[in-house]
Amino acid sequence: MGILSKVEQHSETETTVGLDVILFSGRANPQLAAAIARDLDVRVGRCEIDRFADGETSVRLGESVTGRHVVLVQPTAPPVNDHLMELLALADACRRGIAARISAVIPYYGYARSDKRHNELEPIMGRVVADLLQSVGISHLVTMDLHTPQIEGFFRAPVDSLTAMESLCAAMRADLPKDFVVVAPDAGRATLAAQYAQCLGAEVVVLHKRRTREHVETVRIVGDVAGRACVLIDDMISTGGTLAQATAVLLDKGARPGIVIAATHGLFIAPARERLDIEGVKAVYVTDTIASPVAGWPKLRVVPVAPVFAAAVRRYIEGAHRG
């Protein structure tokens, strides 16, 4: 009732963003969608999402979108294909309902790791998903900490590629002692770790790996961790293998127990919790881009990022309609 009562204070076509805006949520993270709606002071629209007996997705909007700016909120988190299909169906329903514009807030962008081919017989699924989203009428994308920044280049539509860095840094500071270092678990996250280090005023350490057909091993550390607290940074926690291995290496090299792990997206696919719920780890920070499948874990800290998304949506809506 809180959201509805706010909307009733405005005219039929007016919200605090000054325009006729409505937000719809898929089933991946309705809590985040509701939080974004509250920050925008708009309603979460009525819709029915179901699945037929054969697995096909069924979507039906519960109210008109004609001439309105629609905001869809749906991370394409596991089960990725189901959530992606829900988003496509919602967008197509809005397009066919003659929505004026469709913005998609996709806090976690699935298939972002498939940004290039490793051989001639592989697809580039990050591009395939981008094409699908635009084909159903999405004209603006808002996402956060893409696994590969070049995904943004797959879109003709404008993309707001946000970061959770400042939100995570602000939340972590209370858990960080003096003389800590920020650690990249591999060379691919060195730039990300450097950005966090600048935000937190710390030094950077980078772990370098060697991949073989059988396994991946850390073979070199650039920087000193002996006797120092560590903040281990990544963009996502999937099965936790990379971060668990990095934690073991840091402790073996003399890092102080009580390592803090921070990542934007907490997928926590089994056995991620078991791998990271060890004595040497003090806390695990993630944001609420994904509805966490992990409950009752004292080490887990979930940082809200709805205001970051709401601010980006507000800027785009106001700018698009001024233009």
Protein backbone atom coordinates (compact mmCIF):
# COMPACT_ATOMS: atom_id res chain seq x y z
CA MET A 1 0.00 0.00 0.00
CA GLY A 2 2.96 2.36 0.57
CA ILE A 3 3.80 2.62 -3.12
CA LEU A 4 0.20 2.89 -4.21
CA SER A 5 -0.59 5.63 -1.74
CA LYS A 6 2.32 7.72 -3.02
CA VAL A 7 1.15 7.42 -6.60
CA GLU A 8 -2.38 8.40 -5.70
CA GLN A 9 -1.10 11.80 -4.58
CA HIS A 10 -0.18 12.64 -8.19
CA SER A 11 -2.31 13.03 -11.26
CA GLU A 12 -2.93 10.03 -13.48
CA THR A 13 0.09 10.82 -15.65
CA GLU A 14 2.44 12.36 -13.11
CA THR A 15 5.09 10.90 -10.78
CA THR A 16 8.01 12.52 -9.01
CA VAL A 17 10.08 11.97 -12.15
CA GLY A 18 7.52 14.22 -13.81
CA LEU A 19 6.38 11.70 -16.41
CA ASP A 20 3.99 8.81 -16.96
CA VAL A 21 6.23 5.95 -15.86
CA ILE A 22 5.38 2.42 -14.76
CA LEU A 23 7.70 -0.35 -13.60
CA PHE A 24 7.25 -4.09 -14.07
CA SER A 25 9.24 -6.83 -12.40
CA GLY A 26 10.11 -10.31 -13.54
CA ARG A 27 10.41 -13.09 -10.99
CA ALA A 28 14.20 -13.00 -10.63
CA ASN A 29 14.42 -10.26 -7.97
CA PRO A 30 11.07 -8.63 -7.12
CA GLN A 31 12.50 -7.19 -3.87
CA LEU A 32 15.04 -5.12 -5.79
CA ALA A 33 12.37 -4.03 -8.27
CA ALA A 34 10.16 -2.83 -5.41
CA ALA A 35 13.07 -0.90 -3.88
CA ILE A 36 13.85 0.81 -7.21
CA ALA A 37 10.17 1.68 -7.61
CA ARG A 38 10.12 3.28 -4.15
CA ASP A 39 13.19 5.37 -4.96
CA LEU A 40 11.59 6.50 -8.24
CA ASP A 41 8.22 7.00 -6.54
CA VAL A 42 6.44 4.93 -9.19
CA ARG A 43 4.23 1.87 -9.05
CA VAL A 44 5.14 -1.74 -9.65
CA GLY A 45 2.64 -2.63 -12.36
CA ARG A 46 0.38 -5.66 -12.23
CA CYS A 47 1.36 -8.61 -14.40
CA GLU A 48 1.07 -12.38 -14.38
CA ILE A 49 4.07 -14.54 -15.16
CA ASP A 50 3.68 -18.27 -15.29
CA ARG A 51 5.03 -21.34 -17.00
CA PHE A 52 3.01 -23.79 -19.05
CA ALA A 53 3.30 -27.52 -18.42
CA ASP A 54 5.74 -27.85 -21.33
CA GLY A 55 8.02 -25.16 -19.89
CA GLU A 56 6.98 -22.25 -22.12
CA THR A 57 6.83 -18.82 -20.48
CA SER A 58 3.47 -17.06 -20.15
CA VAL A 59 3.26 -13.30 -19.49
CA ARG A 60 0.19 -11.07 -19.27
CA LEU A 61 0.27 -7.39 -18.33
CA GLY A 62 -2.45 -6.34 -15.92
CA GLU A 63 -2.75 -2.73 -17.08
CA SER A 64 -2.24 -0.50 -20.09
CA VAL A 65 1.21 0.70 -21.11
CA THR A 66 0.12 2.75 -24.13
CA GLY A 67 2.18 5.94 -24.42
CA ARG A 68 3.99 5.26 -21.13
CA HIS A 69 7.67 4.93 -20.31
CA VAL A 70 8.07 1.36 -19.05
CA VAL A 71 10.89 0.26 -16.76
CA LEU A 72 11.49 -3.51 -16.61
CA VAL A 73 13.60 -4.92 -13.76
CA GLN A 74 15.02 -8.41 -14.20
CA PRO A 75 18.53 -9.72 -13.55
CA THR A 76 19.28 -12.67 -15.81
CA ALA A 77 20.56 -14.73 -12.90
CA PRO A 78 20.22 -18.52 -12.57
CA PRO A 79 18.15 -20.06 -13.99
CA VAL A 80 19.49 -17.72 -16.67
CA ASN A 81 17.45 -18.91 -19.62
CA ASP A 82 14.13 -18.80 -17.73
CA HIS A 83 14.76 -15.29 -16.46
CA LEU A 84 15.96 -14.08 -19.85
CA MET A 85 12.82 -15.43 -21.52
CA GLU A 86 10.62 -13.69 -18.92
CA LEU A 87 12.37 -10.40 -19.69
CA LEU A 88 11.96 -10.84 -23.45
CA ALA A 89 8.28 -11.71 -23.03
CA LEU A 90 7.66 -8.69 -20.79
CA ALA A 91 9.39 -6.36 -23.25
CA ASP A 92 7.49 -7.74 -26.22
CA ALA A 93 4.18 -7.38 -24.38
CA CYS A 94 5.03 -3.73 -23.67
CA ARG A 95 6.14 -3.11 -27.27
CA ARG A 96 2.92 -4.59 -28.63
CA GLY A 97 1.02 -2.58 -26.02
CA ILE A 98 2.45 0.58 -27.66
CA ALA A 99 4.70 1.68 -24.81
CA ALA A 100 6.45 4.96 -25.60
CA ARG A 101 9.85 3.70 -24.41
CA ILE A 102 11.16 0.61 -22.67
CA SER A 103 14.09 0.75 -20.26
CA ALA A 104 15.47 -2.56 -19.00
CA VAL A 105 17.26 -2.68 -15.65
CA ILE A 106 19.33 -5.86 -15.83
CA PRO A 107 21.44 -5.71 -12.65
CA TYR A 108 23.27 -8.93 -13.53
CA TYR A 109 23.77 -9.59 -17.25
CA GLY A 110 23.92 -13.32 -17.95
CA TYR A 111 26.08 -14.59 -20.82
CA ALA A 112 28.53 -11.70 -20.34
CA ARG A 113 31.38 -14.21 -20.11
CA SER A 114 30.65 -15.26 -23.69
CA ASP A 115 32.01 -12.07 -25.26
CA LYS A 116 34.30 -13.64 -27.86
CA ARG A 117 35.02 -16.90 -29.64
CA HIS A 118 37.82 -19.18 -28.52
CA ASN A 119 37.52 -21.15 -31.76
CA GLU A 120 35.54 -20.89 -34.98
CA LEU A 121 32.75 -23.22 -33.82
CA GLU A 122 31.52 -21.20 -30.82
CA PRO A 123 28.79 -18.55 -30.57
CA ILE A 124 29.20 -15.12 -28.97
CA MET A 125 26.21 -15.36 -26.67
CA GLY A 126 26.75 -11.95 -25.11
CA ARG A 127 26.02 -10.44 -28.54
CA VAL A 128 23.11 -12.82 -29.18
CA VAL A 129 21.42 -11.68 -25.96
CA ALA A 130 22.03 -8.02 -26.85
CA ASP A 131 20.37 -8.54 -30.23
CA LEU A 132 17.40 -10.31 -28.65
CA LEU A 133 16.84 -7.54 -26.11
CA GLN A 134 16.83 -4.85 -28.78
CA SER A 135 14.62 -6.87 -31.12
CA VAL A 136 11.76 -6.80 -28.59
CA GLY A 137 11.85 -3.02 -28.24
CA ILE A 138 14.23 -2.33 -25.36
CA SER A 139 15.70 1.10 -26.12
CA HIS A 140 17.77 1.65 -22.96
CA LEU A 141 19.76 -0.74 -20.77
CA VAL A 142 20.89 -0.25 -17.18
CA THR A 143 23.29 -2.83 -15.79
CA MET A 144 26.02 -3.10 -13.17
CA ASP A 145 29.63 -4.29 -13.26
CA LEU A 146 29.55 -6.26 -16.49
CA HIS A 147 31.93 -9.22 -16.40
CA THR A 148 33.38 -7.89 -19.66
CA PRO A 149 33.03 -4.14 -20.36
CA GLN A 150 32.99 -4.66 -24.13
CA ILE A 151 29.45 -6.11 -23.82
CA GLU A 152 28.29 -2.48 -23.88
CA GLY A 153 29.53 -2.27 -27.45
CA PHE A 154 27.10 -5.00 -28.54
CA PHE A 155 24.21 -2.55 -28.12
CA ARG A 156 23.03 0.19 -30.45
CA ALA A 157 20.76 1.42 -27.65
CA PRO A 158 22.23 3.60 -24.88
CA VAL A 159 23.70 1.64 -21.97
CA ASP A 160 24.18 2.86 -18.40
CA SER A 161 26.96 0.59 -17.13
CA LEU A 162 27.01 1.25 -13.39
CA THR A 163 29.39 0.15 -10.68
CA ALA A 164 28.81 -1.03 -7.12
CA MET A 165 32.33 -0.06 -6.07
CA GLU A 166 31.47 3.00 -4.00
CA SER A 167 28.56 1.22 -2.29
CA LEU A 168 30.71 -1.79 -1.43
CA CYS A 169 33.66 0.32 -0.27
CA ALA A 170 31.43 2.37 2.02
CA ALA A 171 29.97 -0.80 3.53
CA MET A 172 33.34 -2.54 3.96
CA ARG A 173 35.29 0.20 5.68
CA ALA A 174 34.14 -0.80 9.17
CA ASP A 175 35.55 -4.31 8.63
CA LEU A 176 38.97 -3.16 7.42
CA PRO A 177 41.93 -2.76 9.78
CA LYS A 178 44.94 -0.58 9.10
CA ASP A 179 47.63 -1.70 6.66
CA PHE A 180 45.38 -3.76 4.39
CA VAL A 181 45.89 -4.45 0.69
CA VAL A 182 43.40 -4.97 -2.12
CA VAL A 183 43.95 -8.23 -4.00
CA ALA A 184 42.99 -9.20 -7.55
CA PRO A 185 42.46 -12.98 -7.78
CA ASP A 186 43.89 -13.00 -11.31
CA ALA A 187 45.37 -10.61 -13.87
CA GLY A 188 41.96 -10.08 -15.47
CA ARG A 189 40.74 -8.32 -12.32
CA ALA A 190 43.84 -6.15 -11.85
CA THR A 191 42.14 -3.01 -13.17
CA LEU A 192 39.10 -3.60 -10.97
CA ALA A 193 41.31 -4.12 -7.92
CA ALA A 194 43.22 -0.92 -8.71
CA GLN A 195 39.96 1.02 -8.77
CA TYR A 196 38.94 -0.41 -5.39
CA ALA A 197 42.40 0.33 -3.99
CA GLN A 198 42.12 3.96 -5.07
CA CYS A 199 38.65 4.21 -3.51
CA LEU A 200 39.85 2.68 -0.24
CA GLY A 201 43.29 4.31 -0.18
CA ALA A 202 45.24 1.03 -0.23
CA GLU A 203 47.92 -0.81 -2.20
CA VAL A 204 47.22 -3.46 -4.85
CA VAL A 205 48.37 -7.06 -5.00
CA VAL A 206 47.79 -9.22 -8.09
CA LEU A 207 47.77 -13.01 -8.26
CA HIS A 208 48.90 -14.47 -11.57
CA LYS A 209 47.71 -17.87 -12.74
CA ARG A 210 48.76 -20.54 -15.18
CA ARG A 211 46.07 -22.59 -16.87
CA THR A 212 46.62 -26.15 -18.03
CA ARG A 213 44.18 -28.70 -19.39
CA GLU A 214 43.88 -30.28 -15.95
CA HIS A 215 43.64 -27.29 -13.62
CA VAL A 216 44.44 -23.65 -12.84
CA GLU A 217 47.21 -22.78 -10.40
CA THR A 218 48.50 -19.53 -8.95
CA VAL A 219 52.19 -19.27 -9.74
CA ARG A 220 53.17 -15.69 -8.83
CA ILE A 221 52.13 -12.85 -6.52
CA VAL A 222 52.91 -9.26 -7.43
CA GLY A 223 53.01 -7.40 -4.12
CA ASP A 224 53.54 -8.21 -0.44
CA VAL A 225 50.83 -9.80 1.71
CA ALA A 226 52.90 -11.16 4.62
CA GLY A 227 51.35 -10.09 7.91
CA ARG A 228 48.79 -7.87 6.18
CA ALA A 229 45.00 -7.93 6.01
CA CYS A 230 43.57 -8.55 2.55
CA VAL A 231 40.47 -7.45 0.66
CA LEU A 232 39.88 -9.90 -2.18
CA ILE A 233 37.93 -8.34 -5.07
CA ASP A 234 35.94 -9.85 -7.94
CA ASP A 235 32.92 -8.92 -10.04
CA MET A 236 30.95 -12.07 -9.15
CA ILE A 237 30.92 -15.12 -6.93
CA SER A 238 29.73 -18.11 -8.92
CA THR A 239 30.94 -21.46 -7.54
CA GLY A 240 33.55 -19.70 -5.40
CA GLY A 241 36.46 -21.73 -6.81
CA THR A 242 38.62 -18.78 -7.90
CA LEU A 243 38.19 -16.89 -4.63
CA ALA A 244 38.69 -20.00 -2.48
CA GLN A 245 41.93 -20.78 -4.29
CA ALA A 246 43.09 -17.16 -3.96
CA THR A 247 42.27 -17.20 -0.24
CA ALA A 248 44.34 -20.35 0.27
CA VAL A 249 47.30 -18.81 -1.57
CA LEU A 250 47.14 -15.59 0.45
CA LEU A 251 47.05 -17.44 3.77
CA ASP A 252 49.88 -19.72 2.63
CA LYS A 253 51.97 -16.63 1.83
CA GLY A 254 51.47 -15.23 5.32
CA ALA A 255 48.46 -12.96 4.92
CA ARG A 256 46.67 -12.16 8.15
CA PRO A 257 43.60 -14.37 8.78
CA GLY A 258 40.34 -12.50 8.49
CA ILE A 259 40.29 -11.94 4.73
CA VAL A 260 37.39 -9.82 3.44
CA ILE A 261 35.87 -10.82 0.11
CA ALA A 262 33.83 -8.39 -1.99
CA ALA A 263 32.00 -8.97 -5.26
CA THR A 264 29.09 -7.23 -6.94
CA HIS A 265 27.07 -10.30 -7.91
CA GLY A 266 26.52 -13.17 -5.48
CA LEU A 267 25.29 -16.14 -7.51
CA PHE A 268 26.49 -18.64 -4.86
CA ILE A 269 26.11 -21.72 -6.97
CA ALA A 270 26.88 -24.80 -4.88
CA PRO A 271 29.41 -25.37 -3.36
CA ALA A 272 30.33 -21.64 -3.15
CA ARG A 273 29.24 -21.15 0.47
CA GLU A 274 31.11 -24.22 1.67
CA ARG A 275 34.26 -23.12 -0.14
CA LEU A 276 34.22 -19.63 1.37
CA ASP A 277 32.85 -20.41 4.83
CA ILE A 278 36.31 -21.08 6.24
CA GLU A 279 38.19 -19.80 9.26
CA GLY A 280 40.46 -17.53 7.26
CA VAL A 281 37.56 -15.52 5.78
CA LYS A 282 36.05 -12.81 7.98
CA ALA A 283 33.23 -11.50 5.76
CA VAL A 284 31.80 -11.82 2.26
CA TYR A 285 30.24 -8.68 0.77
CA VAL A 286 27.88 -8.75 -2.22
CA THR A 287 25.10 -6.47 -3.43
CA ASP A 288 21.42 -7.28 -3.89
CA THR A 289 21.63 -7.32 -7.71
CA ILE A 290 20.74 -11.00 -7.35
CA ALA A 291 18.22 -12.39 -4.88
CA SER A 292 20.60 -14.33 -2.66
CA PRO A 293 20.05 -18.09 -2.54
CA VAL A 294 22.11 -18.17 0.68
CA ALA A 295 20.30 -17.67 4.00
CA GLY A 296 21.46 -17.72 7.59
CA TRP A 297 25.16 -17.18 6.86
CA PRO A 298 26.65 -14.79 9.45
CA LYS A 299 29.62 -13.91 7.22
CA LEU A 300 27.44 -12.70 4.36
CA ARG A 301 26.82 -8.95 4.05
CA VAL A 302 24.33 -7.83 1.40
CA VAL A 303 24.67 -4.19 0.30
CA PRO A 304 21.59 -2.50 -1.26
CA VAL A 305 22.09 -0.78 -4.61
CA ALA A 306 18.54 0.22 -5.60
CA PRO A 307 19.32 3.96 -5.22
CA VAL A 308 22.15 3.64 -7.77
CA PHE A 309 19.81 2.08 -10.34
CA ALA A 310 16.99 4.51 -9.59
CA ALA A 311 19.29 7.51 -10.10
CA ALA A 312 20.40 6.21 -13.51
CA VAL A 313 16.83 5.52 -14.62
CA ARG A 314 15.71 8.94 -13.45
CA ARG A 315 18.50 10.68 -15.40
CA TYR A 316 17.65 8.82 -18.58
CA ILE A 317 13.89 9.35 -18.33
CA GLU A 318 14.20 13.06 -17.66
CA GLY A 319 16.83 13.50 -20.38
CA ALA A 320 14.95 11.44 -22.97
CA HIS A 321 11.73 13.34 -22.49
CA ARG A 322 13.44 16.74 -22.48
CA GLY A 323 14.92 15.78 -25.84
